[in-house]
Amino acid sequence: MSVTTTMPVLITYATSRGSTKEVAERIASRLHADGIAVDCRPVDRVYSVENYSAVIIGSAVHAAKWLLDAQRFLDVEAMGLQLKPLWAFSLGSAPGGMPGWIRQRVARKEQKAIEDVIKSKVPKVREHRLFAGKDDGSSWPSPIRGLYRCLGGRFGDFRDWKEIDKWADTIAKELATGA
């Protein structure tokens, strides 16, 4: 399925504190720089996927799950998404700030749980990527925040912009070639 120049690619996202929006906007700018028309907006501002040539959806991850707005979007648009190239990304805290001895295990479990939900709604998703997110710890209860730090956890911005750019560039190439 090739992307036509008359229909833009939808990049949509669910965010709780703005970090996922920043990643979606970064992906949009990379695709736009490659000459691809894009429309970047929150999932609650998308009324249909019908007029888009492809869709990239992202969500923040809380408790190993996408935000409800993103899950609801998949439910509502599932039929239309079956007809479009679809990529998905998640921003979670697991890959970034957790101590090395548990990071990979938690990230694998989180990624699988999210992919299972996505694929149950839209089985033809081309790829799902779990990226490290950004968390300052302010939403965590103080005792849990302290325990997390005692176990070697860190708070901060762990987004790997080079990795995100590389993924966006790969999608741009696929869209350009119609792969």
Foldseek 3Di string as FASTA:
>chain_A
DAFDQQFAEEEEEEEDPCFVLVLSVLLCVLLVVVVGHYDYYYLVPDDACVRHQAYEYEAEDDPLEGDPSRLVSLQVHLVVNLVHAYEYEYEYQLCFFADPVCSVVVVVVSVVSHVVSNCVSHVRHPYYYYFYAAFQCPVPPPVVVVVRVVNPGDHGGRGDSVVSSVVSVVVSVCNNVVD
